[in-house]
Amino acid sequence: MAQHQTVSNGHGGHNGGHGGGHGSLKSYVIGFALSIVLTIIPLVVVMNGMLGRVGMTVVVLAAATLQFIVQLVFFMHIREEEKPRYNLMALLLGILLLLTIVIGSIWIMSMNVVAH
């Protein structure tokens, strides 16, 4: 009896007390598969030199942006939260982090003297 109450009120229970949504196994598998694909595509393009410099940059940035969206939807459950304020704050933080990473990466790539 006591063990049942611990499971039903704990973090791993289906009806946890914090009200936050957890994804299903299917959504985690789909998110993981999409993350792997979005990691492999730019890796293959860059390692095989399939595109020019601008094309590679566009593919890497597009894959990174899609990867970010996959992380938000499948692992951070941005669409499943009951309170929209938290969704907005998480999305704004994610966009800020995304812009910092993308702009910082472009700046580092353009200032890299060894690559030129």
PDB file of N, CA and C in Angstrom:
ATOM      1  N   MET A   1       0.825  -1.190   0.000  1.00  0.00           N
ATOM      2  CA  MET A   1       0.000   0.000   0.000  1.00  0.00           C
ATOM      3  C   MET A   1       0.865   1.247   0.000  1.00  0.00           C
ATOM      4  N   ALA A   2       1.839   1.279   0.919  1.00  0.00           N
ATOM      5  CA  ALA A   2       2.702   2.465   0.969  1.00  0.00           C
ATOM      6  C   ALA A   2       3.534   2.594  -0.289  1.00  0.00           C
ATOM      7  N   GLN A   3       3.949   1.476  -0.842  1.00  0.00           N
ATOM      8  CA  GLN A   3       4.743   1.523  -2.064  1.00  0.00           C
ATOM      9  C   GLN A   3       3.907   2.065  -3.219  1.00  0.00           C
ATOM     10  N   HIS A   4       2.644   1.692  -3.299  1.00  0.00           N
ATOM     11  CA  HIS A   4       1.763   2.174  -4.356  1.00  0.00           C
ATOM     12  C   HIS A   4       1.612   3.695  -4.284  1.00  0.00           C
ATOM     13  N   GLN A   5       1.479   4.243  -3.056  1.00  0.00           N
ATOM     14  CA  GLN A   5       1.331   5.685  -2.924  1.00  0.00           C
ATOM     15  C   GLN A   5       2.595   6.411  -3.354  1.00  0.00           C
ATOM     16  N   THR A   6       3.733   5.816  -3.091  1.00  0.00           N
ATOM     17  CA  THR A   6       4.986   6.447  -3.485  1.00  0.00           C
ATOM     18  C   THR A   6       5.097   6.517  -4.995  1.00  0.00           C
ATOM     19  N   VAL A   7       4.715   5.447  -5.666  1.00  0.00           N
ATOM     20  CA  VAL A   7       4.816   5.417  -7.124  1.00  0.00           C
ATOM     21  C   VAL A   7       3.822   6.376  -7.755  1.00  0.00           C
ATOM     22  N   SER A   8       2.588   6.412  -7.244  1.00  0.00           N
ATOM     23  CA  SER A   8       1.582   7.266  -7.872  1.00  0.00           C
ATOM     24  C   SER A   8       1.832   8.747  -7.611  1.00  0.00           C
ATOM     25  N   ASN A   9       2.522   9.093  -6.534  1.00  0.00           N
ATOM     26  CA  ASN A   9       2.791  10.506  -6.256  1.00  0.00           C
ATOM     27  C   ASN A   9       4.191  10.930  -6.647  1.00  0.00           C
ATOM     28  N   GLY A  10       5.011   9.985  -7.051  1.00  0.00           N
ATOM     29  CA  GLY A  10       6.392  10.302  -7.389  1.00  0.00           C
ATOM     30  C   GLY A  10       6.527  10.900  -8.770  1.00  0.00           C
ATOM     31  N   HIS A  11       7.729  11.228  -9.123  1.00  0.00           N
ATOM     32  CA  HIS A  11       8.026  11.859 -10.404  1.00  0.00           C
ATOM     33  C   HIS A  11       7.762  10.915 -11.567  1.00  0.00           C
ATOM     34  N   GLY A  12       8.003   9.617 -11.343  1.00  0.00           N
ATOM     35  CA  GLY A  12       7.854   8.662 -12.429  1.00  0.00           C
ATOM     36  C   GLY A  12       6.441   8.167 -12.630  1.00  0.00           C
ATOM     37  N   GLY A  13       5.517   8.534 -11.786  1.00  0.00           N
ATOM     38  CA  GLY A  13       4.155   8.070 -11.908  1.00  0.00           C
ATOM     39  C   GLY A  13       3.439   8.723 -13.080  1.00  0.00           C
ATOM     40  N   HIS A  14       2.347   8.140 -13.483  1.00  0.00           N
ATOM     41  CA  HIS A  14       1.590   8.689 -14.606  1.00  0.00           C
ATOM     42  C   HIS A  14       0.855   9.958 -14.223  1.00  0.00           C
ATOM     43  N   ASN A  15       0.448  10.069 -12.971  1.00  0.00           N
ATOM     44  CA  ASN A  15      -0.263  11.251 -12.512  1.00  0.00           C
ATOM     45  C   ASN A  15       0.567  11.980 -11.466  1.00  0.00           C
ATOM     46  N   GLY A  16       1.749  12.400 -11.826  1.00  0.00           N
ATOM     47  CA  GLY A  16       2.639  13.074 -10.895  1.00  0.00           C
ATOM     48  C   GLY A  16       2.027  14.346 -10.350  1.00  0.00           C
ATOM     49  N   GLY A  17       2.443  14.754  -9.171  1.00  0.00           N
ATOM     50  CA  GLY A  17       1.856  15.897  -8.527  1.00  0.00           C
ATOM     51  C   GLY A  17       2.270  17.235  -9.096  1.00  0.00           C
ATOM     52  N   HIS A  18       3.312  17.294  -9.934  1.00  0.00           N
ATOM     53  CA  HIS A  18       3.779  18.584 -10.427  1.00  0.00           C
ATOM     54  C   HIS A  18       3.016  19.064 -11.636  1.00  0.00           C
ATOM     55  N   GLY A  19       2.211  18.234 -12.263  1.00  0.00           N
ATOM     56  CA  GLY A  19       1.376  18.679 -13.369  1.00  0.00           C
ATOM     57  C   GLY A  19       2.100  18.818 -14.689  1.00  0.00           C
ATOM     58  N   GLY A  20       3.399  18.600 -14.719  1.00  0.00           N
ATOM     59  CA  GLY A  20       4.130  18.717 -15.968  1.00  0.00           C
ATOM     60  C   GLY A  20       3.908  17.506 -16.843  1.00  0.00           C
ATOM     61  N   GLY A  21       3.884  17.716 -18.125  1.00  0.00           N
ATOM     62  CA  GLY A  21       3.663  16.626 -19.047  1.00  0.00           C
ATOM     63  C   GLY A  21       4.949  15.884 -19.345  1.00  0.00           C
ATOM     64  N   HIS A  22       4.828  14.587 -19.438  1.00  0.00           N
ATOM     65  CA  HIS A  22       5.948  13.763 -19.847  1.00  0.00           C
ATOM     66  C   HIS A  22       5.579  13.153 -21.177  1.00  0.00           C
ATOM     67  N   GLY A  23       6.567  13.005 -22.002  1.00  0.00           N
ATOM     68  CA  GLY A  23       6.302  12.423 -23.295  1.00  0.00           C
ATOM     69  C   GLY A  23       6.167  10.917 -23.214  1.00  0.00           C
ATOM     70  N   SER A  24       5.613  10.379 -24.252  1.00  0.00           N
ATOM     71  CA  SER A  24       5.481   8.931 -24.326  1.00  0.00           C
ATOM     72  C   SER A  24       6.764   8.350 -24.904  1.00  0.00           C
ATOM     73  N   LEU A  25       6.879   7.050 -24.809  1.00  0.00           N
ATOM     74  CA  LEU A  25       8.049   6.383 -25.367  1.00  0.00           C
ATOM     75  C   LEU A  25       8.133   6.629 -26.865  1.00  0.00           C
ATOM     76  N   LYS A  26       6.969   6.634 -27.518  1.00  0.00           N
ATOM     77  CA  LYS A  26       6.926   6.873 -28.965  1.00  0.00           C
ATOM     78  C   LYS A  26       7.486   8.257 -29.310  1.00  0.00           C
ATOM     79  N   SER A  27       7.097   9.285 -28.547  1.00  0.00           N
ATOM     80  CA  SER A  27       7.584  10.637 -28.850  1.00  0.00           C
ATOM     81  C   SER A  27       9.086  10.752 -28.582  1.00  0.00           C
ATOM     82  N   TYR A  28       9.577  10.059 -27.547  1.00  0.00           N
ATOM     83  CA  TYR A  28      11.023  10.089 -27.295  1.00  0.00           C
ATOM     84  C   TYR A  28      11.797   9.386 -28.399  1.00  0.00           C
ATOM     85  N   VAL A  29      11.262   8.270 -28.885  1.00  0.00           N
ATOM     86  CA  VAL A  29      11.932   7.530 -29.961  1.00  0.00           C
ATOM     87  C   VAL A  29      11.938   8.365 -31.238  1.00  0.00           C
ATOM     88  N   ILE A  30      10.806   8.998 -31.552  1.00  0.00           N
ATOM     89  CA  ILE A  30      10.737   9.840 -32.742  1.00  0.00           C
ATOM     90  C   ILE A  30      11.713  11.013 -32.616  1.00  0.00           C
ATOM     91  N   GLY A  31      11.742  11.654 -31.466  1.00  0.00           N
ATOM     92  CA  GLY A  31      12.671  12.766 -31.250  1.00  0.00           C
ATOM     93  C   GLY A  31      14.119  12.328 -31.348  1.00  0.00           C
ATOM     94  N   PHE A  32      14.434  11.162 -30.784  1.00  0.00           N
ATOM     95  CA  PHE A  32      15.803  10.644 -30.853  1.00  0.00           C
ATOM     96  C   PHE A  32      16.193  10.339 -32.294  1.00  0.00           C
ATOM     97  N   ALA A  33      15.281   9.704 -33.045  1.00  0.00           N
ATOM     98  CA  ALA A  33      15.578   9.370 -34.448  1.00  0.00           C
ATOM     99  C   ALA A  33      15.768  10.639 -35.273  1.00  0.00           C
ATOM    100  N   LEU A  34      14.907  11.631 -35.070  1.00  0.00           N
ATOM    101  CA  LEU A  34      15.063  12.892 -35.796  1.00  0.00           C
ATOM    102  C   LEU A  34      16.374  13.584 -35.424  1.00  0.00           C
ATOM    103  N   SER A  35      16.749  13.524 -34.164  1.00  0.00           N
ATOM    104  CA  SER A  35      18.011  14.132 -33.735  1.00  0.00           C
ATOM    105  C   SER A  35      19.198  13.456 -34.395  1.00  0.00           C
ATOM    106  N   ILE A  36      19.157  12.131 -34.485  1.00  0.00           N
ATOM    107  CA  ILE A  36      20.249  11.405 -35.134  1.00  0.00           C
ATOM    108  C   ILE A  36      20.327  11.779 -36.610  1.00  0.00           C
ATOM    109  N   VAL A  37      19.189  11.801 -37.285  1.00  0.00           N
ATOM    110  CA  VAL A  37      19.177  12.141 -38.710  1.00  0.00           C
ATOM    111  C   VAL A  37      19.686  13.566 -38.925  1.00  0.00           C
ATOM    112  N   LEU A  38      19.228  14.485 -38.080  1.00  0.00           N
ATOM    113  CA  LEU A  38      19.644  15.885 -38.228  1.00  0.00           C
ATOM    114  C   LEU A  38      21.098  16.095 -37.820  1.00  0.00           C
ATOM    115  N   THR A  39      21.702  15.141 -37.167  1.00  0.00           N
ATOM    116  CA  THR A  39      23.128  15.208 -36.878  1.00  0.00           C
ATOM    117  C   THR A  39      23.937  14.589 -38.014  1.00  0.00           C
ATOM    118  N   ILE A  40      23.420  13.524 -38.585  1.00  0.00           N
ATOM    119  CA  ILE A  40      24.157  12.806 -39.629  1.00  0.00           C
ATOM    120  C   ILE A  40      24.172  13.593 -40.944  1.00  0.00           C
ATOM    121  N   ILE A  41      23.083  14.251 -41.293  1.00  0.00           N
ATOM    122  CA  ILE A  41      23.016  14.966 -42.576  1.00  0.00           C
ATOM    123  C   ILE A  41      24.137  15.995 -42.718  1.00  0.00           C
ATOM    124  N   PRO A  42      24.314  16.929 -41.783  1.00  0.00           N
ATOM    125  CA  PRO A  42      25.414  17.888 -41.966  1.00  0.00           C
ATOM    126  C   PRO A  42      26.786  17.221 -41.878  1.00  0.00           C
ATOM    127  N   LEU A  43      26.899  16.175 -41.078  1.00  0.00           N
ATOM    128  CA  LEU A  43      28.174  15.462 -40.972  1.00  0.00           C
ATOM    129  C   LEU A  43      28.565  14.855 -42.314  1.00  0.00           C
ATOM    130  N   VAL A  44      27.630  14.222 -42.988  1.00  0.00           N
ATOM    131  CA  VAL A  44      27.907  13.610 -44.289  1.00  0.00           C
ATOM    132  C   VAL A  44      28.215  14.690 -45.325  1.00  0.00           C
ATOM    133  N   VAL A  45      27.458  15.770 -45.310  1.00  0.00           N
ATOM    134  CA  VAL A  45      27.676  16.848 -46.284  1.00  0.00           C
ATOM    135  C   VAL A  45      29.059  17.460 -46.100  1.00  0.00           C
ATOM    136  N   VAL A  46      29.458  17.694 -44.885  1.00  0.00           N
ATOM    137  CA  VAL A  46      30.753  18.330 -44.628  1.00  0.00           C
ATOM    138  C   VAL A  46      31.905  17.350 -44.859  1.00  0.00           C
ATOM    139  N   MET A  47      31.774  16.119 -44.386  1.00  0.00           N
ATOM    140  CA  MET A  47      32.878  15.154 -44.508  1.00  0.00           C
ATOM    141  C   MET A  47      33.140  14.784 -45.967  1.00  0.00           C
ATOM    142  N   ASN A  48      32.110  14.747 -46.792  1.00  0.00           N
ATOM    143  CA  ASN A  48      32.285  14.373 -48.191  1.00  0.00           C
ATOM    144  C   ASN A  48      32.448  15.572 -49.117  1.00  0.00           C
ATOM    145  N   GLY A  49      32.352  16.766 -48.598  1.00  0.00           N
ATOM    146  CA  GLY A  49      32.525  17.971 -49.408  1.00  0.00           C
ATOM    147  C   GLY A  49      31.498  18.060 -50.527  1.00  0.00           C
ATOM    148  N   MET A  50      30.260  17.731 -50.235  1.00  0.00           N
ATOM    149  CA  MET A  50      29.216  17.671 -51.250  1.00  0.00           C
ATOM    150  C   MET A  50      28.808  19.039 -51.770  1.00  0.00           C
ATOM    151  N   LEU A  51      28.947  20.050 -50.975  1.00  0.00           N
ATOM    152  CA  LEU A  51      28.502  21.393 -51.354  1.00  0.00           C
ATOM    153  C   LEU A  51      29.656  22.371 -51.189  1.00  0.00           C
ATOM    154  N   GLY A  52      29.454  23.550 -51.747  1.00  0.00           N
ATOM    155  CA  GLY A  52      30.430  24.619 -51.559  1.00  0.00           C
ATOM    156  C   GLY A  52      30.348  25.156 -50.135  1.00  0.00           C
ATOM    157  N   ARG A  53      31.181  26.146 -49.867  1.00  0.00           N
ATOM    158  CA  ARG A  53      31.269  26.693 -48.517  1.00  0.00           C
ATOM    159  C   ARG A  53      29.932  27.277 -48.038  1.00  0.00           C
ATOM    160  N   VAL A  54      29.300  28.044 -48.903  1.00  0.00           N
ATOM    161  CA  VAL A  54      28.027  28.660 -48.528  1.00  0.00           C
ATOM    162  C   VAL A  54      26.949  27.591 -48.361  1.00  0.00           C
ATOM    163  N   GLY A  55      26.940  26.629 -49.250  1.00  0.00           N
ATOM    164  CA  GLY A  55      25.956  25.548 -49.165  1.00  0.00           C
ATOM    165  C   GLY A  55      26.106  24.734 -47.895  1.00  0.00           C
ATOM    166  N   MET A  56      27.360  24.438 -47.549  1.00  0.00           N
ATOM    167  CA  MET A  56      27.597  23.691 -46.307  1.00  0.00           C
ATOM    168  C   MET A  56      27.141  24.485 -45.093  1.00  0.00           C
ATOM    169  N   THR A  57      27.418  25.778 -45.117  1.00  0.00           N
ATOM    170  CA  THR A  57      27.003  26.625 -43.995  1.00  0.00           C
ATOM    171  C   THR A  57      25.483  26.638 -43.864  1.00  0.00           C
ATOM    172  N   VAL A  58      24.804  26.744 -45.004  1.00  0.00           N
ATOM    173  CA  VAL A  58      23.335  26.764 -44.975  1.00  0.00           C
ATOM    174  C   VAL A  58      22.793  25.432 -44.457  1.00  0.00           C
ATOM    175  N   VAL A  59      23.380  24.314 -44.914  1.00  0.00           N
ATOM    176  CA  VAL A  59      22.910  22.995 -44.460  1.00  0.00           C
ATOM    177  C   VAL A  59      23.143  22.830 -42.963  1.00  0.00           C
ATOM    178  N   VAL A  60      24.305  23.237 -42.488  1.00  0.00           N
ATOM    179  CA  VAL A  60      24.608  23.087 -41.063  1.00  0.00           C
ATOM    180  C   VAL A  60      23.680  23.960 -40.211  1.00  0.00           C
ATOM    181  N   LEU A  61      23.465  25.192 -40.645  1.00  0.00           N
ATOM    182  CA  LEU A  61      22.590  26.082 -39.876  1.00  0.00           C
ATOM    183  C   LEU A  61      21.137  25.611 -39.918  1.00  0.00           C
ATOM    184  N   ALA A  62      20.690  25.138 -41.062  1.00  0.00           N
ATOM    185  CA  ALA A  62      19.317  24.634 -41.165  1.00  0.00           C
ATOM    186  C   ALA A  62      19.139  23.389 -40.301  1.00  0.00           C
ATOM    187  N   ALA A  63      20.110  22.490 -40.336  1.00  0.00           N
ATOM    188  CA  ALA A  63      20.014  21.283 -39.497  1.00  0.00           C
ATOM    189  C   ALA A  63      20.063  21.640 -38.018  1.00  0.00           C
ATOM    190  N   ALA A  64      20.856  22.617 -37.670  1.00  0.00           N
ATOM    191  CA  ALA A  64      20.928  23.040 -36.270  1.00  0.00           C
ATOM    192  C   ALA A  64      19.608  23.655 -35.805  1.00  0.00           C
ATOM    193  N   THR A  65      19.003  24.443 -36.671  1.00  0.00           N
ATOM    194  CA  THR A  65      17.722  25.048 -36.319  1.00  0.00           C
ATOM    195  C   THR A  65      16.639  23.980 -36.160  1.00  0.00           C
ATOM    196  N   LEU A  66      16.609  23.033 -37.092  1.00  0.00           N
ATOM    197  CA  LEU A  66      15.635  21.949 -36.990  1.00  0.00           C
ATOM    198  C   LEU A  66      15.897  21.083 -35.756  1.00  0.00           C
ATOM    199  N   GLN A  67      17.174  20.867 -35.468  1.00  0.00           N
ATOM    200  CA  GLN A  67      17.537  20.107 -34.270  1.00  0.00           C
ATOM    201  C   GLN A  67      17.017  20.811 -33.014  1.00  0.00           C
ATOM    202  N   PHE A  68      17.132  22.116 -32.992  1.00  0.00           N
ATOM    203  CA  PHE A  68      16.636  22.901 -31.859  1.00  0.00           C
ATOM    204  C   PHE A  68      15.122  22.745 -31.703  1.00  0.00           C
ATOM    205  N   ILE A  69      14.421  22.800 -32.816  1.00  0.00           N
ATOM    206  CA  ILE A  69      12.965  22.658 -32.764  1.00  0.00           C
ATOM    207  C   ILE A  69      12.582  21.255 -32.285  1.00  0.00           C
ATOM    208  N   VAL A  70      13.305  20.246 -32.756  1.00  0.00           N
ATOM    209  CA  VAL A  70      13.045  18.869 -32.317  1.00  0.00           C
ATOM    210  C   VAL A  70      13.264  18.744 -30.809  1.00  0.00           C
ATOM    211  N   GLN A  71      14.333  19.355 -30.311  1.00  0.00           N
ATOM    212  CA  GLN A  71      14.609  19.302 -28.870  1.00  0.00           C
ATOM    213  C   GLN A  71      13.498  19.975 -28.071  1.00  0.00           C
ATOM    214  N   LEU A  72      13.017  21.115 -28.569  1.00  0.00           N
ATOM    215  CA  LEU A  72      11.939  21.817 -27.871  1.00  0.00           C
ATOM    216  C   LEU A  72      10.652  21.000 -27.852  1.00  0.00           C
ATOM    217  N   VAL A  73      10.301  20.421 -28.952  1.00  0.00           N
ATOM    218  CA  VAL A  73       9.012  19.738 -29.064  1.00  0.00           C
ATOM    219  C   VAL A  73       9.034  18.371 -28.389  1.00  0.00           C
ATOM    220  N   PHE A  74      10.073  17.561 -28.659  1.00  0.00           N
ATOM    221  CA  PHE A  74      10.050  16.177 -28.205  1.00  0.00           C
ATOM    222  C   PHE A  74      10.670  15.972 -26.822  1.00  0.00           C
ATOM    223  N   PHE A  75      11.593  16.807 -26.416  1.00  0.00           N
ATOM    224  CA  PHE A  75      12.261  16.569 -25.133  1.00  0.00           C
ATOM    225  C   PHE A  75      11.918  17.624 -24.076  1.00  0.00           C
ATOM    226  N   MET A  76      11.646  18.851 -24.484  1.00  0.00           N
ATOM    227  CA  MET A  76      11.258  19.872 -23.507  1.00  0.00           C
ATOM    228  C   MET A  76       9.747  19.997 -23.406  1.00  0.00           C
ATOM    229  N   HIS A  77       9.007  19.292 -24.256  1.00  0.00           N
ATOM    230  CA  HIS A  77       7.545  19.231 -24.224  1.00  0.00           C
ATOM    231  C   HIS A  77       6.948  20.625 -24.253  1.00  0.00           C
ATOM    232  N   ILE A  78       7.404  21.448 -25.171  1.00  0.00           N
ATOM    233  CA  ILE A  78       6.976  22.841 -25.217  1.00  0.00           C
ATOM    234  C   ILE A  78       5.491  22.960 -25.535  1.00  0.00           C
ATOM    235  N   ARG A  79       4.933  21.976 -26.196  1.00  0.00           N
ATOM    236  CA  ARG A  79       3.524  22.064 -26.575  1.00  0.00           C
ATOM    237  C   ARG A  79       2.582  21.393 -25.580  1.00  0.00           C
ATOM    238  N   GLU A  80       3.115  20.719 -24.567  1.00  0.00           N
ATOM    239  CA  GLU A  80       2.277  19.959 -23.653  1.00  0.00           C
ATOM    240  C   GLU A  80       2.079  20.628 -22.300  1.00  0.00           C
ATOM    241  N   GLU A  81       2.713  21.732 -22.040  1.00  0.00           N
ATOM    242  CA  GLU A  81       2.594  22.394 -20.750  1.00  0.00           C
ATOM    243  C   GLU A  81       1.225  23.044 -20.629  1.00  0.00           C
ATOM    244  N   GLU A  82       0.650  22.953 -19.443  1.00  0.00           N
ATOM    245  CA  GLU A  82      -0.677  23.511 -19.230  1.00  0.00           C
ATOM    246  C   GLU A  82      -0.667  25.031 -19.148  1.00  0.00           C
ATOM    247  N   LYS A  83       0.394  25.591 -18.627  1.00  0.00           N
ATOM    248  CA  LYS A  83       0.450  27.030 -18.471  1.00  0.00           C
ATOM    249  C   LYS A  83       1.254  27.632 -19.626  1.00  0.00           C
ATOM    250  N   PRO A  84       0.607  28.439 -20.461  1.00  0.00           N
ATOM    251  CA  PRO A  84       1.287  28.976 -21.639  1.00  0.00           C
ATOM    252  C   PRO A  84       2.420  29.943 -21.296  1.00  0.00           C
ATOM    253  N   ARG A  85       2.425  30.545 -20.125  1.00  0.00           N
ATOM    254  CA  ARG A  85       3.488  31.473 -19.761  1.00  0.00           C
ATOM    255  C   ARG A  85       4.834  30.756 -19.696  1.00  0.00           C
ATOM    256  N   TYR A  86       4.814  29.547 -19.153  1.00  0.00           N
ATOM    257  CA  TYR A  86       6.053  28.789 -19.080  1.00  0.00           C
ATOM    258  C   TYR A  86       6.535  28.409 -20.468  1.00  0.00           C
ATOM    259  N   ASN A  87       5.591  28.093 -21.343  1.00  0.00           N
ATOM    260  CA  ASN A  87       5.969  27.775 -22.718  1.00  0.00           C
ATOM    261  C   ASN A  87       6.640  28.958 -23.383  1.00  0.00           C
ATOM    262  N   LEU A  88       6.083  30.126 -23.196  1.00  0.00           N
ATOM    263  CA  LEU A  88       6.636  31.323 -23.816  1.00  0.00           C
ATOM    264  C   LEU A  88       8.019  31.633 -23.262  1.00  0.00           C
ATOM    265  N   MET A  89       8.177  31.517 -21.949  1.00  0.00           N
ATOM    266  CA  MET A  89       9.488  31.800 -21.346  1.00  0.00           C
ATOM    267  C   MET A  89      10.537  30.798 -21.832  1.00  0.00           C
ATOM    268  N   ALA A  90      10.161  29.530 -21.922  1.00  0.00           N
ATOM    269  CA  ALA A  90      11.098  28.516 -22.407  1.00  0.00           C
ATOM    270  C   ALA A  90      11.434  28.750 -23.869  1.00  0.00           C
ATOM    271  N   LEU A  91      10.447  29.137 -24.647  1.00  0.00           N
ATOM    272  CA  LEU A  91      10.694  29.392 -26.066  1.00  0.00           C
ATOM    273  C   LEU A  91      11.601  30.602 -26.250  1.00  0.00           C
ATOM    274  N   LEU A  92      11.360  31.660 -25.490  1.00  0.00           N
ATOM    275  CA  LEU A  92      12.207  32.849 -25.597  1.00  0.00           C
ATOM    276  C   LEU A  92      13.649  32.538 -25.172  1.00  0.00           C
ATOM    277  N   LEU A  93      13.810  31.771 -24.115  1.00  0.00           N
ATOM    278  CA  LEU A  93      15.150  31.377 -23.695  1.00  0.00           C
ATOM    279  C   LEU A  93      15.816  30.521 -24.771  1.00  0.00           C
ATOM    280  N   GLY A  94      15.055  29.619 -25.350  1.00  0.00           N
ATOM    281  CA  GLY A  94      15.594  28.776 -26.421  1.00  0.00           C
ATOM    282  C   GLY A  94      16.008  29.588 -27.627  1.00  0.00           C
ATOM    283  N   ILE A  95      15.197  30.561 -28.004  1.00  0.00           N
ATOM    284  CA  ILE A  95      15.543  31.417 -29.144  1.00  0.00           C
ATOM    285  C   ILE A  95      16.779  32.238 -28.832  1.00  0.00           C
ATOM    286  N   LEU A  96      16.877  32.743 -27.616  1.00  0.00           N
ATOM    287  CA  LEU A  96      18.067  33.499 -27.218  1.00  0.00           C
ATOM    288  C   LEU A  96      19.318  32.623 -27.295  1.00  0.00           C
ATOM    289  N   LEU A  97      19.209  31.395 -26.788  1.00  0.00           N
ATOM    290  CA  LEU A  97      20.352  30.479 -26.854  1.00  0.00           C
ATOM    291  C   LEU A  97      20.683  30.132 -28.304  1.00  0.00           C
ATOM    292  N   LEU A  98      19.655  29.903 -29.110  1.00  0.00           N
ATOM    293  CA  LEU A  98      19.879  29.577 -30.521  1.00  0.00           C
ATOM    294  C   LEU A  98      20.592  30.714 -31.236  1.00  0.00           C
ATOM    295  N   LEU A  99      20.116  31.931 -31.051  1.00  0.00           N
ATOM    296  CA  LEU A  99      20.749  33.072 -31.706  1.00  0.00           C
ATOM    297  C   LEU A  99      22.181  33.260 -31.225  1.00  0.00           C
ATOM    298  N   THR A 100      22.415  33.065 -29.939  1.00  0.00           N
ATOM    299  CA  THR A 100      23.774  33.193 -29.412  1.00  0.00           C
ATOM    300  C   THR A 100      24.699  32.157 -30.038  1.00  0.00           C
ATOM    301  N   ILE A 101      24.231  30.929 -30.137  1.00  0.00           N
ATOM    302  CA  ILE A 101      25.058  29.865 -30.713  1.00  0.00           C
ATOM    303  C   ILE A 101      25.292  30.094 -32.200  1.00  0.00           C
ATOM    304  N   VAL A 102      24.241  30.435 -32.941  1.00  0.00           N
ATOM    305  CA  VAL A 102      24.384  30.621 -34.392  1.00  0.00           C
ATOM    306  C   VAL A 102      25.251  31.832 -34.692  1.00  0.00           C
ATOM    307  N   ILE A 103      24.975  32.956 -34.066  1.00  0.00           N
ATOM    308  CA  ILE A 103      25.756  34.173 -34.338  1.00  0.00           C
ATOM    309  C   ILE A 103      27.197  34.003 -33.853  1.00  0.00           C
ATOM    310  N   GLY A 104      27.368  33.378 -32.707  1.00  0.00           N
ATOM    311  CA  GLY A 104      28.721  33.130 -32.215  1.00  0.00           C
ATOM    312  C   GLY A 104      29.488  32.184 -33.113  1.00  0.00           C
ATOM    313  N   SER A 105      28.817  31.148 -33.635  1.00  0.00           N
ATOM    314  CA  SER A 105      29.483  30.219 -34.547  1.00  0.00           C
ATOM    315  C   SER A 105      29.886  30.904 -35.840  1.00  0.00           C
ATOM    316  N   ILE A 106      29.008  31.726 -36.381  1.00  0.00           N
ATOM    317  CA  ILE A 106      29.343  32.454 -37.609  1.00  0.00           C
ATOM    318  C   ILE A 106      30.503  33.399 -37.351  1.00  0.00           C
ATOM    319  N   TRP A 107      30.497  34.055 -36.220  1.00  0.00           N
ATOM    320  CA  TRP A 107      31.573  34.987 -35.896  1.00  0.00           C
ATOM    321  C   TRP A 107      32.910  34.237 -35.747  1.00  0.00           C
ATOM    322  N   ILE A 108      32.872  33.110 -35.071  1.00  0.00           N
ATOM    323  CA  ILE A 108      34.101  32.329 -34.899  1.00  0.00           C
ATOM    324  C   ILE A 108      34.596  31.810 -36.240  1.00  0.00           C
ATOM    325  N   MET A 109      33.692  31.324 -37.086  1.00  0.00           N
ATOM    326  CA  MET A 109      34.113  30.817 -38.394  1.00  0.00           C
ATOM    327  C   MET A 109      34.679  31.921 -39.262  1.00  0.00           C
ATOM    328  N   SER A 110      34.123  33.129 -39.174  1.00  0.00           N
ATOM    329  CA  SER A 110      34.626  34.219 -40.008  1.00  0.00           C
ATOM    330  C   SER A 110      35.937  34.784 -39.476  1.00  0.00           C
ATOM    331  N   MET A 111      36.209  34.651 -38.189  1.00  0.00           N
ATOM    332  CA  MET A 111      37.434  35.195 -37.603  1.00  0.00           C
ATOM    333  C   MET A 111      38.557  34.169 -37.507  1.00  0.00           C
ATOM    334  N   ASN A 112      38.311  32.935 -37.941  1.00  0.00           N
ATOM    335  CA  ASN A 112      39.315  31.882 -37.844  1.00  0.00           C
ATOM    336  C   ASN A 112      40.379  32.102 -38.919  1.00  0.00           C
ATOM    337  N   VAL A 113      41.542  32.510 -38.515  1.00  0.00           N
ATOM    338  CA  VAL A 113      42.619  32.831 -39.436  1.00  0.00           C
ATOM    339  C   VAL A 113      43.207  31.548 -40.040  1.00  0.00           C
ATOM    340  N   VAL A 114      43.229  30.462 -39.304  1.00  0.00           N
ATOM    341  CA  VAL A 114      43.826  29.218 -39.774  1.00  0.00           C
ATOM    342  C   VAL A 114      43.053  28.650 -40.957  1.00  0.00           C
ATOM    343  N   ALA A 115      41.733  28.787 -40.979  1.00  0.00           N
ATOM    344  CA  ALA A 115      40.914  28.213 -42.047  1.00  0.00           C
ATOM    345  C   ALA A 115      41.024  28.981 -43.347  1.00  0.00           C
ATOM    346  N   HIS A 116      41.449  30.235 -43.313  1.00  0.00           N
ATOM    347  CA  HIS A 116      41.511  31.044 -44.540  1.00  0.00           C
ATOM    348  C   HIS A 116      42.764  30.826 -45.286  1.00  0.00           C
TER     349      HIS A 116
END
